[in-house]
Amino acid sequence: MLEWMAWTTPVAVFFSSIALMLVGMTVWEIRSPTISRKGFLPIETTRGDRLFIGLLAAAYVNLGFVGISGKLAEWFGLENDPSIWISFVLSMGLLVFIMRKG
């Protein structure tokens, strides 16, 4: 059924993290309803808005990293492409930053 997708460990961890965040945010929203606030984003956002924007940003970071990983290996003279775990850590850091300061 899932043979069409390359389910590597980093991909599984990435999607599992997203699922856990959605469940966690749902429980958090039920226990403590959110209020809009203004951070560095140019709009007033709720927790759910910031999560959505952060997840989009995380996806773009991962896609961008996959797109340039071959060039990074070439530029830095690496034998293999850099680990996808690097982009996972960067994207989760960006997500946390958007959730806290957005």
N, C-alpha and C. Protein backbone atom coordinates (compact mmCIF):
# COMPACT_ATOMS: atom_id res chain seq x y z
N MET A 1 0.81 -1.19 0.00
CA MET A 1 0.00 0.00 0.00
C MET A 1 0.86 1.27 0.00
N LEU A 2 1.93 1.30 0.79
CA LEU A 2 2.77 2.50 0.88
C LEU A 2 4.08 2.36 0.13
N GLU A 3 4.14 1.45 -0.85
CA GLU A 3 5.39 1.23 -1.58
C GLU A 3 5.78 2.41 -2.46
N TRP A 4 4.81 3.25 -2.80
CA TRP A 4 5.06 4.36 -3.69
C TRP A 4 5.91 5.45 -3.04
N MET A 5 6.01 5.46 -1.72
CA MET A 5 6.74 6.50 -1.03
C MET A 5 7.98 5.93 -0.36
N ALA A 6 9.04 6.70 -0.36
CA ALA A 6 10.28 6.26 0.28
C ALA A 6 10.18 6.51 1.78
N TRP A 7 9.70 5.52 2.53
CA TRP A 7 9.52 5.66 3.97
C TRP A 7 10.83 5.35 4.68
N THR A 8 11.68 6.34 4.75
CA THR A 8 12.92 6.21 5.50
C THR A 8 12.63 6.61 6.94
N THR A 9 13.56 6.36 7.81
CA THR A 9 13.38 6.72 9.21
C THR A 9 13.16 8.22 9.39
N PRO A 10 13.96 9.10 8.75
CA PRO A 10 13.71 10.53 8.93
C PRO A 10 12.33 10.97 8.45
N VAL A 11 11.85 10.38 7.34
CA VAL A 11 10.53 10.73 6.84
C VAL A 11 9.46 10.30 7.83
N ALA A 12 9.59 9.09 8.36
CA ALA A 12 8.62 8.59 9.34
C ALA A 12 8.63 9.45 10.61
N VAL A 13 9.81 9.84 11.06
CA VAL A 13 9.91 10.68 12.26
C VAL A 13 9.28 12.05 11.99
N PHE A 14 9.52 12.61 10.82
CA PHE A 14 8.97 13.92 10.46
C PHE A 14 7.44 13.88 10.48
N PHE A 15 6.85 12.91 9.81
CA PHE A 15 5.38 12.83 9.76
C PHE A 15 4.79 12.44 11.11
N SER A 16 5.48 11.61 11.87
CA SER A 16 5.01 11.27 13.22
C SER A 16 5.03 12.51 14.11
N SER A 17 6.05 13.34 13.96
CA SER A 17 6.13 14.58 14.74
C SER A 17 4.96 15.50 14.41
N ILE A 18 4.62 15.60 13.14
CA ILE A 18 3.49 16.43 12.74
C ILE A 18 2.20 15.91 13.35
N ALA A 19 2.00 14.59 13.29
CA ALA A 19 0.78 14.00 13.86
C ALA A 19 0.72 14.25 15.36
N LEU A 20 1.84 14.09 16.06
CA LEU A 20 1.86 14.33 17.51
C LEU A 20 1.59 15.80 17.84
N MET A 21 2.13 16.71 17.02
CA MET A 21 1.87 18.13 17.24
C MET A 21 0.39 18.46 17.07
N LEU A 22 -0.24 17.88 16.05
CA LEU A 22 -1.66 18.14 15.83
C LEU A 22 -2.51 17.62 16.99
N VAL A 23 -2.19 16.44 17.48
CA VAL A 23 -2.92 15.89 18.62
C VAL A 23 -2.67 16.76 19.85
N GLY A 24 -1.42 17.12 20.09
CA GLY A 24 -1.10 17.96 21.24
C GLY A 24 -1.78 19.32 21.19
N MET A 25 -1.80 19.93 20.01
CA MET A 25 -2.45 21.23 19.87
C MET A 25 -3.96 21.12 20.07
N THR A 26 -4.55 20.02 19.63
CA THR A 26 -5.99 19.83 19.83
C THR A 26 -6.32 19.74 21.31
N VAL A 27 -5.54 18.94 22.04
CA VAL A 27 -5.76 18.81 23.49
C VAL A 27 -5.53 20.14 24.18
N TRP A 28 -4.47 20.85 23.81
CA TRP A 28 -4.15 22.15 24.40
C TRP A 28 -5.29 23.14 24.14
N GLU A 29 -5.83 23.13 22.93
CA GLU A 29 -6.90 24.06 22.58
C GLU A 29 -8.18 23.75 23.36
N ILE A 30 -8.45 22.49 23.59
CA ILE A 30 -9.64 22.11 24.36
C ILE A 30 -9.48 22.54 25.81
N ARG A 31 -8.30 22.34 26.37
CA ARG A 31 -8.06 22.68 27.79
C ARG A 31 -7.93 24.18 28.02
N SER A 32 -7.32 24.88 27.07
CA SER A 32 -7.07 26.31 27.24
C SER A 32 -7.28 27.02 25.90
N PRO A 33 -8.48 27.55 25.66
CA PRO A 33 -8.74 28.24 24.39
C PRO A 33 -7.75 29.37 24.15
N THR A 34 -7.39 29.54 22.91
CA THR A 34 -6.35 30.50 22.55
C THR A 34 -6.92 31.91 22.38
N ILE A 35 -6.02 32.88 22.45
CA ILE A 35 -6.36 34.25 22.13
C ILE A 35 -5.40 34.71 21.04
N SER A 36 -5.85 35.64 20.22
CA SER A 36 -4.98 36.17 19.16
C SER A 36 -3.93 37.07 19.78
N ARG A 37 -2.75 37.03 19.17
CA ARG A 37 -1.69 37.95 19.61
C ARG A 37 -0.84 38.33 18.42
N LYS A 38 -0.07 39.39 18.57
CA LYS A 38 0.78 39.91 17.50
C LYS A 38 2.22 39.67 17.88
N GLY A 39 2.94 38.96 17.03
CA GLY A 39 4.37 38.74 17.21
C GLY A 39 5.11 39.36 16.04
N PHE A 40 6.16 38.69 15.56
CA PHE A 40 6.90 39.24 14.44
C PHE A 40 6.18 39.01 13.10
N LEU A 41 5.21 38.09 13.08
CA LEU A 41 4.43 37.90 11.86
C LEU A 41 3.57 39.13 11.61
N PRO A 42 3.30 39.45 10.35
CA PRO A 42 2.59 40.71 10.07
C PRO A 42 1.08 40.65 10.32
N ILE A 43 0.59 39.60 10.96
CA ILE A 43 -0.82 39.46 11.25
C ILE A 43 -1.01 38.98 12.69
N GLU A 44 -2.21 39.20 13.24
CA GLU A 44 -2.52 38.61 14.54
C GLU A 44 -2.77 37.13 14.32
N THR A 45 -2.20 36.31 15.19
CA THR A 45 -2.31 34.86 15.00
C THR A 45 -2.71 34.18 16.30
N THR A 46 -3.32 33.02 16.15
CA THR A 46 -3.60 32.15 17.28
C THR A 46 -2.55 31.04 17.26
N ARG A 47 -2.57 30.17 18.27
CA ARG A 47 -1.62 29.05 18.29
C ARG A 47 -1.77 28.19 17.04
N GLY A 48 -3.00 27.93 16.65
CA GLY A 48 -3.24 27.10 15.47
C GLY A 48 -2.70 27.75 14.20
N ASP A 49 -2.87 29.06 14.08
CA ASP A 49 -2.32 29.78 12.92
C ASP A 49 -0.81 29.65 12.87
N ARG A 50 -0.17 29.85 14.04
CA ARG A 50 1.29 29.76 14.08
C ARG A 50 1.77 28.34 13.80
N LEU A 51 1.02 27.33 14.26
CA LEU A 51 1.39 25.95 13.96
C LEU A 51 1.31 25.71 12.46
N PHE A 52 0.24 26.16 11.84
CA PHE A 52 0.08 25.98 10.39
C PHE A 52 1.20 26.66 9.62
N ILE A 53 1.47 27.91 9.97
CA ILE A 53 2.55 28.65 9.29
C ILE A 53 3.90 27.98 9.54
N GLY A 54 4.12 27.53 10.77
CA GLY A 54 5.37 26.84 11.10
C GLY A 54 5.53 25.53 10.37
N LEU A 55 4.44 24.76 10.23
CA LEU A 55 4.51 23.50 9.49
C LEU A 55 4.79 23.74 8.01
N LEU A 56 4.19 24.78 7.45
CA LEU A 56 4.50 25.12 6.05
C LEU A 56 5.97 25.49 5.90
N ALA A 57 6.47 26.30 6.82
CA ALA A 57 7.87 26.69 6.77
C ALA A 57 8.78 25.48 6.93
N ALA A 58 8.43 24.56 7.84
CA ALA A 58 9.22 23.35 8.04
C ALA A 58 9.25 22.49 6.78
N ALA A 59 8.10 22.39 6.12
CA ALA A 59 8.06 21.61 4.87
C ALA A 59 8.95 22.24 3.82
N TYR A 60 8.92 23.57 3.70
CA TYR A 60 9.76 24.25 2.71
C TYR A 60 11.24 24.09 3.03
N VAL A 61 11.60 24.14 4.31
CA VAL A 61 13.00 23.93 4.69
C VAL A 61 13.45 22.52 4.28
N ASN A 62 12.62 21.53 4.57
CA ASN A 62 12.97 20.15 4.20
C ASN A 62 13.07 19.98 2.69
N LEU A 63 12.11 20.52 1.96
CA LEU A 63 12.16 20.40 0.50
C LEU A 63 13.37 21.13 -0.08
N GLY A 64 13.65 22.30 0.45
CA GLY A 64 14.81 23.05 -0.01
C GLY A 64 16.11 22.31 0.26
N PHE A 65 16.19 21.69 1.43
CA PHE A 65 17.40 20.94 1.78
C PHE A 65 17.58 19.74 0.86
N VAL A 66 16.48 19.03 0.60
CA VAL A 66 16.56 17.88 -0.31
C VAL A 66 16.99 18.36 -1.70
N GLY A 67 16.49 19.52 -2.11
CA GLY A 67 16.83 20.06 -3.42
C GLY A 67 18.28 20.47 -3.57
N ILE A 68 18.88 20.96 -2.49
CA ILE A 68 20.27 21.43 -2.60
C ILE A 68 21.29 20.48 -1.99
N SER A 69 20.84 19.34 -1.46
CA SER A 69 21.79 18.46 -0.78
C SER A 69 22.87 17.92 -1.73
N GLY A 70 22.50 17.67 -2.99
CA GLY A 70 23.50 17.23 -3.95
C GLY A 70 24.55 18.30 -4.20
N LYS A 71 24.10 19.54 -4.30
CA LYS A 71 25.04 20.65 -4.50
C LYS A 71 25.92 20.87 -3.27
N LEU A 72 25.34 20.70 -2.08
CA LEU A 72 26.13 20.84 -0.86
C LEU A 72 27.24 19.81 -0.82
N ALA A 73 26.92 18.58 -1.22
CA ALA A 73 27.94 17.52 -1.25
C ALA A 73 29.03 17.88 -2.24
N GLU A 74 28.64 18.44 -3.36
CA GLU A 74 29.62 18.84 -4.38
C GLU A 74 30.48 20.00 -3.89
N TRP A 75 29.86 21.02 -3.32
CA TRP A 75 30.58 22.21 -2.86
C TRP A 75 31.57 21.89 -1.75
N PHE A 76 31.16 21.04 -0.81
CA PHE A 76 32.01 20.74 0.33
C PHE A 76 32.84 19.48 0.15
N GLY A 77 32.77 18.88 -1.03
CA GLY A 77 33.58 17.70 -1.32
C GLY A 77 33.22 16.48 -0.47
N LEU A 78 31.93 16.32 -0.18
CA LEU A 78 31.48 15.18 0.62
C LEU A 78 31.30 13.95 -0.26
N GLU A 79 31.52 12.79 0.30
CA GLU A 79 31.32 11.56 -0.46
C GLU A 79 29.85 11.28 -0.70
N ASN A 80 29.01 11.55 0.30
CA ASN A 80 27.57 11.33 0.21
C ASN A 80 26.83 12.64 0.44
N ASP A 81 25.53 12.66 0.12
CA ASP A 81 24.70 13.82 0.42
C ASP A 81 24.62 14.00 1.93
N PRO A 82 24.48 15.24 2.40
CA PRO A 82 24.35 15.46 3.84
C PRO A 82 23.10 14.76 4.40
N SER A 83 23.13 14.44 5.65
CA SER A 83 22.02 13.73 6.29
C SER A 83 20.76 14.58 6.33
N ILE A 84 19.65 13.95 6.07
CA ILE A 84 18.36 14.63 6.13
C ILE A 84 18.01 15.05 7.56
N TRP A 85 18.68 14.45 8.54
CA TRP A 85 18.45 14.83 9.94
C TRP A 85 18.80 16.29 10.17
N ILE A 86 19.73 16.82 9.38
CA ILE A 86 20.10 18.23 9.51
C ILE A 86 18.89 19.11 9.22
N SER A 87 18.19 18.81 8.12
CA SER A 87 17.02 19.62 7.78
C SER A 87 15.90 19.41 8.78
N PHE A 88 15.78 18.21 9.34
CA PHE A 88 14.75 17.96 10.34
C PHE A 88 14.99 18.85 11.56
N VAL A 89 16.21 18.91 12.03
CA VAL A 89 16.53 19.74 13.20
C VAL A 89 16.31 21.22 12.87
N LEU A 90 16.75 21.66 11.70
CA LEU A 90 16.54 23.06 11.31
C LEU A 90 15.07 23.41 11.20
N SER A 91 14.28 22.51 10.60
CA SER A 91 12.87 22.81 10.42
C SER A 91 12.12 22.80 11.75
N MET A 92 12.47 21.90 12.66
CA MET A 92 11.82 21.90 13.97
C MET A 92 12.22 23.13 14.79
N GLY A 93 13.47 23.56 14.63
CA GLY A 93 13.90 24.80 15.29
C GLY A 93 13.13 26.00 14.77
N LEU A 94 12.92 26.05 13.46
CA LEU A 94 12.15 27.14 12.86
C LEU A 94 10.70 27.09 13.35
N LEU A 95 10.15 25.90 13.44
CA LEU A 95 8.78 25.74 13.93
C LEU A 95 8.64 26.24 15.36
N VAL A 96 9.57 25.88 16.22
CA VAL A 96 9.54 26.34 17.61
C VAL A 96 9.66 27.85 17.67
N PHE A 97 10.54 28.44 16.85
CA PHE A 97 10.71 29.88 16.82
C PHE A 97 9.41 30.58 16.41
N ILE A 98 8.75 30.05 15.38
CA ILE A 98 7.49 30.66 14.92
C ILE A 98 6.41 30.51 15.98
N MET A 99 6.35 29.36 16.63
CA MET A 99 5.34 29.15 17.66
C MET A 99 5.54 30.09 18.85
N ARG A 100 6.78 30.35 19.22
CA ARG A 100 7.06 31.18 20.40
C ARG A 100 6.99 32.68 20.09
N LYS A 101 7.59 33.09 18.99
CA LYS A 101 7.74 34.52 18.71
C LYS A 101 6.80 35.05 17.63
N GLY A 102 6.13 34.17 16.90
CA GLY A 102 5.28 34.57 15.78
C GLY A 102 4.08 35.29 16.26
